Amino acid sequence: MSDKSPVVAGQSSADVLIAGGGIMGLWAALEADRAGLATLLVDAGPLAGGASGGLLGALMPHMPDKWNDKKQLQFDALLSLEHAITALEGETGLSAGYRRSGRLIPLPKPHLRKIAERHQAEAETNWSQQGVRFSWDVIDRSPHGDGWPASDVMAAGLVSDTFAARVSPRGLTAMLIARLRQSPRVTFREGVAVEAIDTTGARATLSDGSSIGFGHLIVAAGHASFPLLSALGPALPRPLGQAVKGQAALLSAPSVAPDLPLLYLDGLYIVPHEGGQVAIGSTSEDRFDEPFSTDRQLDDLVARAVQLAPALGDADVIERWAGLRPKAIDRDPMVGPHPEAERVIALTGGFKVSFGLAHVLARAALAPIQGLDAGLPASFSTTHHLAVAATLG
């Protein structure tokens, strides 16, 4: 906690109260600080200790075909993220482990090559914007040899995508925390969660028994956001969102260069990071008994990774990780004021796209506080997700 902050322990209110200190909440706190707002961020555990403390860090663009407002939003976000990270690295002296490494996607069957060739033509238009051009090229063989990826998975060639990038999830969240600790306007309280919201009195009850008044409350508590937001209006016949378990692994592979492109095939991501480390992920489990333990599903994932990238054959697993990611009912992130409580703003549901979009979504969450338009697709709005949850399936 910053002893310089106007929001100190025992104070009963904040301009902006943020529930959740993961990637969404941290970016929201930074946007609030930049707007000059006294901000209190509370998190049930340690900051960035949930899904944002994972291993993978893959920043993957949508396919370049069938362009729409959501794909444009992601294009703009992935482009601006590089500049946002560079600025933060300059402010903090830390590294987020960011690199636009590109991506290779093997094409095991001939019909996949035909589809990829259509995407190549579409990328020439849709991935050429704002003075930059990224390519989606269909090539016959890997420029990095048979070990990256294996030759038997690219019978019809492979795609070389120059837009994809990677970031260290822990490096980026640590950098955001360091930047926020420099501010006299931002305070953290770890090990404390928002348990209930009184919209009439604009106060939140915390898990330690205290309560905090707020000008606005941003609910960025991952999957724990859904019951909090659902309680603010009429009972919903369906949950507003759910937790999806993901398992991932970190490998020590000194022979794998950190500038190698990411590999992707059938839901499996292989992401080279700095320091001879490679992240493997991830599962997507809607049903699970043990949310934070790993099992044979991760073993199978690592085995598939070695088949896809023989260069990992001698790599050692140095960390196994499991966590819960938030998926809103209509899959898109859920951002914006609750229609039954305009001072309560959702910022959750990012699922697999959180790290690439969080800086843009956080700015959109602050927009109504500043009297600005959020500029997001309608399907991202809290109102839209509530309408979907109100419809019997």
Protein backbone atom coordinates (compact mmCIF):
# COMPACT_ATOMS: atom_id res chain seq x y z
CA MET A 1 0.00 0.00 0.00
CA SER A 2 1.26 3.45 -0.88
CA ASP A 3 1.51 5.69 2.16
CA LYS A 4 1.16 8.66 -0.21
CA SER A 5 -2.33 7.67 -1.38
CA PRO A 6 -5.41 9.69 -0.48
CA VAL A 7 -7.23 6.36 -0.16
CA VAL A 8 -5.69 4.85 2.95
CA ALA A 9 -6.69 2.04 5.28
CA GLY A 10 -9.73 3.12 7.23
CA GLN A 11 -10.87 5.71 4.70
CA SER A 12 -14.46 5.07 3.74
CA SER A 13 -14.61 6.07 0.08
CA ALA A 14 -12.79 6.28 -3.23
CA ASP A 15 -13.50 7.92 -6.55
CA VAL A 16 -13.03 4.54 -8.21
CA LEU A 17 -13.15 1.19 -6.43
CA ILE A 18 -11.82 -1.70 -8.50
CA ALA A 19 -12.73 -5.25 -7.53
CA GLY A 20 -10.01 -7.52 -8.87
CA GLY A 21 -6.28 -7.08 -9.36
CA GLY A 22 -5.68 -9.18 -12.45
CA ILE A 23 -4.73 -7.85 -15.87
CA MET A 24 -8.10 -6.11 -16.35
CA GLY A 25 -8.15 -4.46 -12.93
CA LEU A 26 -4.53 -3.34 -13.16
CA TRP A 27 -5.03 -1.64 -16.52
CA ALA A 28 -8.24 -0.06 -15.17
CA ALA A 29 -6.33 1.31 -12.17
CA LEU A 30 -3.74 2.78 -14.52
CA GLU A 31 -6.43 4.47 -16.60
CA ALA A 32 -8.09 5.81 -13.45
CA ASP A 33 -4.77 7.15 -12.22
CA ARG A 34 -4.12 8.86 -15.54
CA ALA A 35 -7.57 10.46 -15.19
CA GLY A 36 -6.56 11.85 -11.79
CA LEU A 37 -9.02 9.72 -9.81
CA ALA A 38 -8.37 8.45 -6.27
CA THR A 39 -8.45 4.69 -6.74
CA LEU A 40 -8.66 1.73 -4.41
CA LEU A 41 -8.01 -1.71 -5.89
CA VAL A 42 -8.96 -4.75 -3.82
CA ASP A 43 -8.22 -8.37 -4.63
CA ALA A 44 -9.22 -11.57 -2.88
CA GLY A 45 -5.67 -12.88 -3.12
CA PRO A 46 -2.31 -11.43 -4.07
CA LEU A 47 -2.32 -9.07 -7.03
CA ALA A 48 -2.26 -10.94 -10.35
CA GLY A 49 -2.43 -14.20 -8.45
CA GLY A 50 -5.32 -15.69 -10.44
CA ALA A 51 -5.64 -16.41 -14.14
CA SER A 52 -3.43 -13.39 -14.90
CA GLY A 53 -0.53 -15.12 -13.17
CA GLY A 54 -0.32 -17.83 -15.81
CA LEU A 55 2.43 -18.86 -18.19
CA LEU A 56 1.37 -18.74 -21.84
CA GLY A 57 1.27 -15.09 -22.97
CA ALA A 58 0.23 -15.78 -26.57
CA LEU A 59 -1.11 -12.69 -28.37
CA MET A 60 -2.94 -14.16 -31.35
CA PRO A 61 -4.85 -12.14 -33.95
CA HIS A 62 -8.16 -13.25 -35.39
CA MET A 63 -8.13 -14.76 -38.87
CA PRO A 64 -7.92 -12.04 -41.55
CA ASP A 65 -11.14 -13.16 -43.27
CA LYS A 66 -14.75 -11.95 -42.78
CA TRP A 67 -13.60 -8.64 -41.34
CA ASN A 68 -15.91 -6.98 -38.80
CA ASP A 69 -15.88 -4.49 -35.93
CA LYS A 70 -14.62 -7.06 -33.43
CA LYS A 71 -11.68 -8.03 -35.62
CA GLN A 72 -10.90 -4.37 -36.19
CA LEU A 73 -10.97 -3.74 -32.44
CA GLN A 74 -8.52 -6.57 -31.84
CA PHE A 75 -6.26 -5.41 -34.67
CA ASP A 76 -6.09 -1.93 -33.19
CA ALA A 77 -5.53 -3.30 -29.68
CA LEU A 78 -2.72 -5.66 -30.63
CA LEU A 79 -1.06 -2.86 -32.56
CA SER A 80 -1.33 -0.32 -29.73
CA LEU A 81 -0.29 -2.79 -27.03
CA GLU A 82 3.30 -2.78 -28.26
CA HIS A 83 3.50 1.00 -27.79
CA ALA A 84 1.73 0.87 -24.42
CA ILE A 85 4.22 -1.71 -23.14
CA THR A 86 7.20 0.24 -24.46
CA ALA A 87 5.98 3.33 -22.59
CA LEU A 88 5.54 1.39 -19.34
CA GLU A 89 8.97 -0.18 -19.66
CA GLY A 90 10.38 3.31 -19.94
CA GLU A 91 8.50 4.45 -16.83
CA THR A 92 9.43 1.47 -14.67
CA GLY A 93 12.75 0.17 -16.01
CA LEU A 94 11.21 -3.32 -16.10
CA SER A 95 10.58 -5.72 -18.99
CA ALA A 96 7.28 -7.29 -19.98
CA GLY A 97 8.99 -9.91 -22.14
CA TYR A 98 7.16 -8.64 -25.21
CA ARG A 99 8.19 -9.68 -28.72
CA ARG A 100 6.35 -9.71 -32.04
CA SER A 101 7.66 -13.16 -32.85
CA GLY A 102 5.10 -14.18 -35.43
CA ARG A 103 3.44 -17.57 -35.63
CA LEU A 104 3.67 -20.77 -37.65
CA ILE A 105 0.53 -22.84 -38.24
CA PRO A 106 1.13 -26.27 -39.82
CA LEU A 107 -1.25 -27.42 -42.56
CA PRO A 108 -1.52 -31.20 -42.25
CA LYS A 109 -4.07 -31.67 -45.09
CA PRO A 110 -4.44 -30.23 -48.62
CA HIS A 111 -7.87 -28.65 -48.06
CA LEU A 112 -6.40 -26.56 -45.22
CA ARG A 113 -3.89 -25.05 -47.65
CA LYS A 114 -6.67 -23.88 -49.95
CA ILE A 115 -8.38 -22.14 -47.04
CA ALA A 116 -5.10 -20.61 -45.90
CA GLU A 117 -4.41 -19.27 -49.41
CA ARG A 118 -7.74 -17.44 -49.35
CA HIS A 119 -6.78 -15.94 -45.98
CA GLN A 120 -3.45 -14.84 -47.46
CA ALA A 121 -5.23 -12.67 -50.02
CA GLU A 122 -7.58 -11.24 -47.36
CA ALA A 123 -4.67 -10.37 -45.08
CA GLU A 124 -3.19 -8.17 -47.80
CA THR A 125 -6.14 -5.83 -47.22
CA ASN A 126 -7.28 -6.39 -43.65
CA TRP A 127 -3.84 -6.61 -42.06
CA SER A 128 -2.49 -3.56 -43.88
CA GLN A 129 -3.58 -0.55 -41.83
CA GLN A 130 -2.21 2.46 -39.97
CA GLY A 131 0.96 2.46 -42.00
CA VAL A 132 1.92 -1.13 -41.12
CA ARG A 133 1.44 -4.40 -42.93
CA PHE A 134 1.37 -7.87 -41.47
CA SER A 135 1.31 -10.97 -43.61
CA TRP A 136 -0.38 -14.36 -43.58
CA ASP A 137 1.81 -16.24 -46.03
CA VAL A 138 1.41 -19.84 -47.12
CA ILE A 139 4.84 -21.44 -47.42
CA ASP A 140 6.08 -24.94 -48.21
CA ARG A 141 8.51 -25.53 -45.38
CA SER A 142 9.59 -24.01 -42.11
CA PRO A 143 12.45 -21.51 -42.27
CA HIS A 144 13.57 -22.90 -38.91
CA GLY A 145 14.19 -26.53 -39.85
CA ASP A 146 12.25 -29.72 -39.22
CA GLY A 147 12.27 -29.33 -35.45
CA TRP A 148 10.11 -26.20 -35.52
CA PRO A 149 7.62 -27.66 -36.35
CA ALA A 150 7.90 -31.37 -37.16
CA SER A 151 7.89 -32.14 -40.88
CA ASP A 152 5.10 -34.74 -40.59
CA VAL A 153 2.54 -32.13 -39.47
CA MET A 154 3.03 -29.83 -42.47
CA ALA A 155 2.31 -32.15 -45.38
CA ALA A 156 0.47 -29.29 -47.11
CA GLY A 157 2.86 -26.60 -45.94
CA LEU A 158 2.26 -24.04 -43.22
CA VAL A 159 1.17 -20.50 -42.56
CA SER A 160 3.68 -17.85 -41.52
CA ASP A 161 1.84 -15.07 -39.67
CA THR A 162 3.90 -11.99 -38.85
CA PHE A 163 1.26 -10.31 -36.65
CA ALA A 164 1.24 -12.67 -33.64
CA ALA A 165 3.28 -11.75 -30.58
CA ARG A 166 3.96 -12.89 -27.05
CA VAL A 167 4.34 -11.33 -23.63
CA SER A 168 5.28 -12.62 -20.21
CA PRO A 169 2.03 -12.56 -18.20
CA ARG A 170 3.93 -12.20 -14.95
CA GLY A 171 6.32 -9.67 -16.41
CA LEU A 172 3.50 -7.45 -17.67
CA THR A 173 1.46 -7.61 -14.46
CA ALA A 174 4.57 -6.95 -12.34
CA MET A 175 5.35 -3.93 -14.48
CA LEU A 176 1.80 -2.57 -14.11
CA ILE A 177 1.94 -3.04 -10.33
CA ALA A 178 5.30 -1.26 -10.16
CA ARG A 179 3.93 1.65 -12.20
CA LEU A 180 0.82 1.92 -9.99
CA ARG A 181 2.90 1.89 -6.81
CA GLN A 182 4.57 5.06 -8.08
CA SER A 183 1.25 6.90 -7.97
CA PRO A 184 -0.01 8.92 -4.97
CA ARG A 185 -3.58 8.24 -6.09
CA VAL A 186 -3.66 4.43 -6.12
CA THR A 187 -3.96 2.10 -3.14
CA PHE A 188 -4.01 -1.70 -3.07
CA ARG A 189 -5.64 -4.00 -0.53
CA GLU A 190 -4.76 -7.65 -1.04
CA GLY A 191 -6.57 -10.57 0.55
CA VAL A 192 -9.86 -8.64 0.55
CA ALA A 193 -12.76 -9.19 -1.85
CA VAL A 194 -15.94 -7.30 -2.63
CA GLU A 195 -18.75 -9.50 -1.32
CA ALA A 196 -21.83 -7.34 -1.86
CA ILE A 197 -22.76 -4.09 -3.58
CA ASP A 198 -25.29 -1.58 -2.22
CA THR A 199 -26.24 0.40 -5.30
CA THR A 200 -28.55 2.78 -3.43
CA GLY A 201 -25.86 3.90 -1.02
CA ALA A 202 -22.99 3.39 -3.49
CA ARG A 203 -21.08 1.24 -1.01
CA ALA A 204 -19.39 -2.14 -1.26
CA THR A 205 -19.13 -4.63 1.58
CA LEU A 206 -15.72 -6.29 1.76
CA SER A 207 -14.81 -9.75 2.99
CA ASP A 208 -13.06 -8.36 6.06
CA GLY A 209 -16.32 -6.83 7.29
CA SER A 210 -15.52 -3.27 6.27
CA SER A 211 -17.35 -1.23 3.67
CA ILE A 212 -16.19 1.31 1.12
CA GLY A 213 -18.16 4.04 -0.60
CA PHE A 214 -17.45 4.66 -4.24
CA GLY A 215 -18.07 7.14 -6.98
CA HIS A 216 -17.87 4.22 -9.41
CA LEU A 217 -17.15 0.53 -8.92
CA ILE A 218 -15.38 -1.43 -11.65
CA VAL A 219 -15.99 -5.16 -11.28
CA ALA A 220 -12.90 -6.84 -12.73
CA ALA A 221 -12.77 -9.92 -10.50
CA GLY A 222 -12.59 -12.53 -13.23
CA HIS A 223 -15.14 -15.32 -12.90
CA ALA A 224 -16.10 -14.00 -9.44
CA SER A 225 -17.51 -10.95 -11.23
CA PHE A 226 -20.48 -12.85 -12.61
CA PRO A 227 -22.40 -13.51 -9.36
CA LEU A 228 -21.67 -9.96 -8.15
CA LEU A 229 -23.13 -8.46 -11.32
CA SER A 230 -26.03 -10.91 -11.50
CA ALA A 231 -27.18 -9.86 -8.01
CA LEU A 232 -27.79 -6.26 -9.09
CA GLY A 233 -30.96 -6.83 -11.12
CA PRO A 234 -33.82 -9.28 -11.57
CA ALA A 235 -33.00 -12.95 -11.14
CA LEU A 236 -31.52 -14.48 -14.28
CA PRO A 237 -32.52 -17.93 -15.56
CA ARG A 238 -28.96 -18.58 -16.69
CA PRO A 239 -25.55 -17.67 -15.22
CA LEU A 240 -24.00 -14.49 -16.57
CA GLY A 241 -20.74 -16.34 -17.14
CA GLN A 242 -18.60 -19.20 -15.97
CA ALA A 243 -15.12 -20.20 -14.94
CA VAL A 244 -13.15 -22.24 -17.47
CA LYS A 245 -10.16 -24.15 -16.16
CA GLY A 246 -6.90 -23.96 -18.07
CA GLN A 247 -3.73 -25.97 -17.53
CA ALA A 248 -0.32 -24.96 -18.85
CA ALA A 249 3.34 -25.85 -18.41
CA LEU A 250 6.65 -24.02 -18.51
CA LEU A 251 9.63 -25.86 -19.99
CA SER A 252 13.33 -25.21 -19.72
CA ALA A 253 14.64 -25.45 -23.28
CA PRO A 254 17.95 -23.56 -23.57
CA SER A 255 18.40 -24.61 -27.18
CA VAL A 256 15.16 -22.92 -28.26
CA ALA A 257 15.86 -19.33 -29.34
CA PRO A 258 13.54 -16.72 -27.82
CA ASP A 259 12.90 -15.11 -31.21
CA LEU A 260 11.41 -18.24 -32.76
CA PRO A 261 7.79 -17.86 -33.89
CA LEU A 262 4.98 -19.28 -31.81
CA LEU A 263 3.55 -22.60 -32.97
CA TYR A 264 -0.17 -23.31 -33.06
CA LEU A 265 -2.11 -26.43 -34.04
CA ASP A 266 -5.55 -27.69 -32.97
CA GLY A 267 -5.76 -25.60 -29.81
CA LEU A 268 -2.17 -26.23 -28.73
CA TYR A 269 0.11 -23.20 -28.28
CA ILE A 270 3.90 -23.35 -27.98
CA VAL A 271 5.35 -20.00 -26.96
CA PRO A 272 9.12 -19.35 -26.72
CA HIS A 273 10.03 -16.82 -24.03
CA GLU A 274 13.25 -15.20 -22.91
CA GLY A 275 15.82 -17.11 -20.87
CA GLY A 276 15.48 -20.42 -22.67
CA GLN A 277 11.92 -21.01 -21.46
CA VAL A 278 8.95 -22.22 -23.49
CA ALA A 279 5.32 -22.13 -22.40
CA ILE A 280 2.85 -24.83 -23.42
CA GLY A 281 -0.91 -24.41 -23.17
CA SER A 282 -3.65 -24.73 -22.63
CA THR A 283 -6.65 -26.84 -21.82
CA SER A 284 -10.20 -25.43 -21.74
CA GLU A 285 -12.24 -27.33 -19.19
CA ASP A 286 -15.86 -26.36 -18.54
CA ARG A 287 -16.14 -29.11 -15.92
CA PHE A 288 -13.55 -29.85 -13.28
CA ASP A 289 -13.24 -31.09 -9.70
CA GLU A 290 -9.93 -29.50 -8.74
CA PRO A 291 -9.61 -25.96 -10.12
CA PHE A 292 -5.97 -25.38 -9.23
CA SER A 293 -4.35 -28.78 -9.71
CA THR A 294 -2.87 -30.29 -12.85
CA ASP A 295 -3.47 -33.78 -14.15
CA ARG A 296 -3.05 -36.09 -17.12
CA GLN A 297 -4.61 -33.56 -19.44
CA LEU A 298 -1.51 -31.43 -19.00
CA ASP A 299 0.73 -34.47 -19.47
CA ASP A 300 -1.03 -35.11 -22.78
CA LEU A 301 -0.59 -31.46 -23.77
CA VAL A 302 3.16 -31.61 -23.16
CA ALA A 303 3.41 -34.87 -25.11
CA ARG A 304 1.58 -33.27 -28.05
CA ALA A 305 3.92 -30.29 -27.85
CA VAL A 306 6.98 -32.51 -28.19
CA GLN A 307 5.41 -34.20 -31.22
CA LEU A 308 4.66 -30.82 -32.79
CA ALA A 309 8.09 -29.38 -31.94
CA PRO A 310 10.78 -32.09 -31.69
CA ALA A 311 13.21 -29.38 -30.56
CA LEU A 312 11.49 -29.72 -27.17
CA GLY A 313 12.38 -33.40 -26.86
CA ASP A 314 15.04 -32.82 -24.19
CA ALA A 315 13.23 -29.98 -22.40
CA ASP A 316 12.40 -30.26 -18.71
CA VAL A 317 9.07 -29.22 -17.24
CA ILE A 318 9.91 -26.65 -14.56
CA GLU A 319 6.40 -25.51 -13.67
CA ARG A 320 2.87 -26.86 -13.97
CA TRP A 321 0.03 -24.35 -13.64
CA ALA A 322 -3.76 -24.38 -13.46
CA GLY A 323 -6.18 -21.50 -13.11
CA LEU A 324 -9.70 -20.31 -13.84
CA ARG A 325 -10.44 -17.92 -16.68
CA PRO A 326 -13.70 -15.94 -16.97
CA LYS A 327 -15.96 -16.62 -19.96
CA ALA A 328 -19.05 -14.43 -20.24
CA ILE A 329 -22.28 -16.03 -21.42
CA ASP A 330 -21.99 -14.70 -24.98
CA ARG A 331 -18.22 -15.30 -25.12
CA ASP A 332 -17.18 -11.72 -25.93
CA PRO A 333 -15.75 -9.72 -23.01
CA MET A 334 -18.34 -7.94 -20.87
CA VAL A 335 -17.59 -4.24 -20.41
CA GLY A 336 -19.72 -1.28 -19.38
CA PRO A 337 -22.25 0.01 -16.86
CA HIS A 338 -24.88 -2.31 -15.41
CA PRO A 339 -28.29 -1.07 -16.63
CA GLU A 340 -29.72 -1.41 -13.10
CA ALA A 341 -26.76 0.37 -11.49
CA GLU A 342 -24.99 2.91 -13.69
CA ARG A 343 -22.18 3.46 -11.19
CA VAL A 344 -21.23 -0.23 -11.38
CA ILE A 345 -19.16 -1.08 -14.44
CA ALA A 346 -18.28 -4.58 -15.62
CA LEU A 347 -14.79 -5.38 -16.90
CA THR A 348 -14.54 -9.14 -17.21
CA GLY A 349 -15.10 -12.16 -19.43
CA GLY A 350 -11.92 -11.87 -21.46
CA PHE A 351 -11.29 -15.65 -21.39
CA LYS A 352 -8.46 -16.19 -23.90
CA VAL A 353 -8.09 -12.64 -25.22
CA SER A 354 -7.57 -10.71 -21.98
CA PHE A 355 -3.88 -9.84 -22.34
CA GLY A 356 -4.26 -8.52 -25.87
CA LEU A 357 -7.35 -6.39 -25.19
CA ALA A 358 -7.17 -5.44 -21.51
CA HIS A 359 -5.59 -2.01 -22.05
CA VAL A 360 -8.31 -1.06 -24.54
CA LEU A 361 -11.16 -2.55 -22.50
CA ALA A 362 -9.94 -0.76 -19.37
CA ARG A 363 -10.05 2.53 -21.22
CA ALA A 364 -13.59 1.70 -22.34
CA ALA A 365 -14.58 0.91 -18.73
CA LEU A 366 -13.36 4.36 -17.64
CA ALA A 367 -15.11 6.10 -20.55
CA PRO A 368 -18.56 6.50 -18.91
CA ILE A 369 -16.91 7.90 -15.77
CA GLN A 370 -15.31 10.57 -17.95
CA GLY A 371 -18.44 11.19 -20.01
CA LEU A 372 -16.93 9.56 -23.10
CA ASP A 373 -18.16 6.93 -25.51
CA ALA A 374 -16.65 3.51 -24.91
CA GLY A 375 -16.45 2.76 -28.63
CA LEU A 376 -16.93 -0.99 -28.24
CA PRO A 377 -19.03 -3.41 -30.30
CA ALA A 378 -22.58 -3.77 -28.94
CA SER A 379 -21.98 -7.45 -28.16
CA PHE A 380 -19.39 -6.43 -25.55
CA SER A 381 -21.86 -4.43 -23.45
CA THR A 382 -23.09 -5.54 -20.05
CA THR A 383 -26.64 -4.90 -21.26
CA HIS A 384 -26.16 -7.36 -24.13
CA HIS A 385 -24.82 -10.13 -21.89
CA LEU A 386 -27.62 -9.62 -19.38
CA ALA A 387 -30.17 -9.91 -22.18
CA VAL A 388 -28.62 -13.21 -23.28
CA ALA A 389 -28.61 -14.53 -19.71
CA ALA A 390 -32.26 -13.51 -19.32
CA THR A 391 -33.25 -15.69 -22.27
CA LEU A 392 -34.14 -19.26 -21.41
CA GLY A 393 -31.85 -21.68 -23.21
